[in-house]
Amino acid sequence: QVQVVESGGGLVQPGGSLRLSCAASGTMFAIPTMAWFRQAPGKQRELVAAITSGGSTNYADSVKGRFTISRDNTKNTVHLQMISLKPEDAAVYYCRVHFPQYGLAYWGQGTPVPVSS
């Protein structure tokens, strides 16, 4: 089993910055792909950013240039640096740890990011 724990969420004003962190622990079958998703009230969960074991990244168009995903493979952690936050970025942010070669994915409980003045 793999445990996934997010941290760093909290209220931020529009234009502000926030850094989310996610730590994975337990039986790591391989170096996973790690990703951040978010879900706003009444909306579907959507991919925000992902980073492969090799460090390749991809971002949702809505966050390109504002969010940066990074990882530390030695600590099984992934971070999401968010700047220039907008009200539409408000959501619960979830971390996903994915082992595509095994078809296994594990989710954290989510960390809320309200964006409001």
Protein backbone atom coordinates (compact mmCIF):
# COMPACT_ATOMS: atom_id res chain seq x y z
CA GLN A 1 0.00 0.00 0.00
CA VAL A 2 1.01 3.57 -0.62
CA GLN A 3 0.00 6.45 1.61
CA VAL A 4 -0.31 9.91 0.11
CA VAL A 5 -0.47 13.04 2.22
CA GLU A 6 -0.87 16.58 0.93
CA SER A 7 -0.04 19.76 2.81
CA GLY A 8 0.28 23.47 2.27
CA GLY A 9 -3.26 24.46 1.39
CA GLY A 10 -4.98 27.46 2.85
CA LEU A 11 -6.70 30.73 2.15
CA VAL A 12 -4.86 32.98 -0.27
CA GLN A 13 -5.79 36.30 -1.81
CA PRO A 14 -6.07 36.76 -5.57
CA GLY A 15 -2.62 37.43 -6.96
CA GLY A 16 -1.02 35.57 -4.11
CA SER A 17 1.22 32.52 -4.03
CA LEU A 18 1.10 29.14 -2.36
CA ARG A 19 3.22 26.01 -2.36
CA LEU A 20 1.60 22.61 -2.01
CA SER A 21 3.51 19.51 -1.02
CA CYS A 22 2.73 15.83 -1.28
CA ALA A 23 4.57 12.97 0.36
CA ALA A 24 4.19 9.34 -0.62
CA SER A 25 5.20 6.51 1.66
CA GLY A 26 4.84 2.76 1.87
CA THR A 27 5.60 0.15 -0.76
CA MET A 28 6.91 1.99 -3.78
CA PHE A 29 6.81 -0.47 -6.66
CA ALA A 30 8.80 1.85 -8.86
CA ILE A 31 9.40 5.56 -9.27
CA PRO A 32 5.87 6.77 -9.90
CA THR A 33 4.38 9.47 -12.02
CA MET A 34 3.06 12.11 -9.64
CA ALA A 35 0.38 14.62 -10.37
CA TRP A 36 -1.83 17.29 -8.92
CA PHE A 37 -5.52 17.40 -9.64
CA ARG A 38 -8.14 19.80 -8.37
CA GLN A 39 -11.86 19.78 -7.92
CA ALA A 40 -14.00 22.84 -7.44
CA PRO A 41 -17.54 22.62 -6.06
CA GLY A 42 -19.92 21.32 -8.70
CA LYS A 43 -17.14 20.55 -11.15
CA GLN A 44 -15.27 17.45 -12.20
CA ARG A 45 -11.82 16.70 -10.94
CA GLU A 46 -9.26 17.96 -13.42
CA LEU A 47 -5.57 17.48 -13.99
CA VAL A 48 -3.50 20.49 -13.00
CA ALA A 49 0.05 19.27 -13.51
CA ALA A 50 1.96 16.02 -13.75
CA ILE A 51 5.58 14.96 -13.63
CA THR A 52 6.97 11.63 -14.74
CA SER A 53 9.69 9.62 -13.07
CA GLY A 54 12.10 11.12 -15.57
CA GLY A 55 11.05 14.67 -14.83
CA SER A 56 8.89 15.40 -17.87
CA THR A 57 6.04 17.72 -17.02
CA ASN A 58 2.72 18.74 -18.44
CA TYR A 59 0.26 21.37 -17.30
CA ALA A 60 -3.34 22.32 -17.81
CA ASP A 61 -3.56 25.29 -20.16
CA SER A 62 -5.22 27.32 -17.44
CA VAL A 63 -2.17 27.17 -15.16
CA LYS A 64 0.70 27.31 -17.63
CA GLY A 65 3.17 30.00 -16.71
CA ARG A 66 1.76 30.31 -13.18
CA PHE A 67 2.18 26.85 -11.64
CA THR A 68 5.33 24.77 -11.43
CA ILE A 69 5.48 21.11 -10.48
CA SER A 70 8.66 19.60 -9.11
CA ARG A 71 9.68 16.42 -7.36
CA ASP A 72 12.33 14.87 -5.17
CA ASN A 73 12.65 11.19 -5.99
CA THR A 74 14.85 10.54 -2.98
CA LYS A 75 12.05 11.65 -0.67
CA ASN A 76 9.06 10.58 -2.80
CA THR A 77 7.70 14.09 -2.66
CA VAL A 78 6.12 16.36 -5.20
CA HIS A 79 5.46 20.07 -4.93
CA LEU A 80 3.23 22.52 -6.71
CA GLN A 81 4.34 26.13 -6.65
CA MET A 82 1.43 28.39 -7.51
CA ILE A 83 1.74 32.10 -8.24
CA SER A 84 -0.65 34.76 -9.47
CA LEU A 85 -3.56 32.82 -8.09
CA LYS A 86 -7.01 33.59 -9.41
CA PRO A 87 -10.43 33.03 -7.88
CA GLU A 88 -11.00 30.30 -10.46
CA ASP A 89 -8.04 28.38 -9.01
CA ALA A 90 -10.00 27.83 -5.82
CA ALA A 91 -10.54 24.11 -5.31
CA VAL A 92 -9.53 21.12 -3.28
CA TYR A 93 -6.16 19.98 -4.61
CA TYR A 94 -5.39 16.29 -4.71
CA CYS A 95 -2.12 14.49 -5.19
CA ARG A 96 -2.03 11.28 -7.18
CA VAL A 97 0.77 8.74 -7.16
CA HIS A 98 0.60 6.56 -10.24
CA PHE A 99 2.44 3.42 -11.23
CA PRO A 100 1.34 3.11 -14.86
CA GLN A 101 3.26 -0.08 -15.51
CA TYR A 102 1.23 -1.77 -12.76
CA GLY A 103 -2.06 0.02 -13.30
CA LEU A 104 -2.05 1.32 -9.73
CA ALA A 105 -2.91 4.78 -8.51
CA TYR A 106 -3.18 6.22 -5.03
CA TRP A 107 -4.79 9.47 -3.97
CA GLY A 108 -4.40 11.77 -1.03
CA GLN A 109 -7.27 13.22 0.94
CA GLY A 110 -6.91 16.63 -0.64
CA THR A 111 -5.96 20.03 0.64
CA PRO A 112 -8.30 23.00 0.17
CA VAL A 113 -7.14 26.17 -1.52
CA PRO A 114 -9.69 28.96 -1.22
CA VAL A 115 -8.81 32.07 -3.23
CA SER A 116 -10.61 35.10 -1.94
CA SER A 117 -10.04 38.63 -0.79
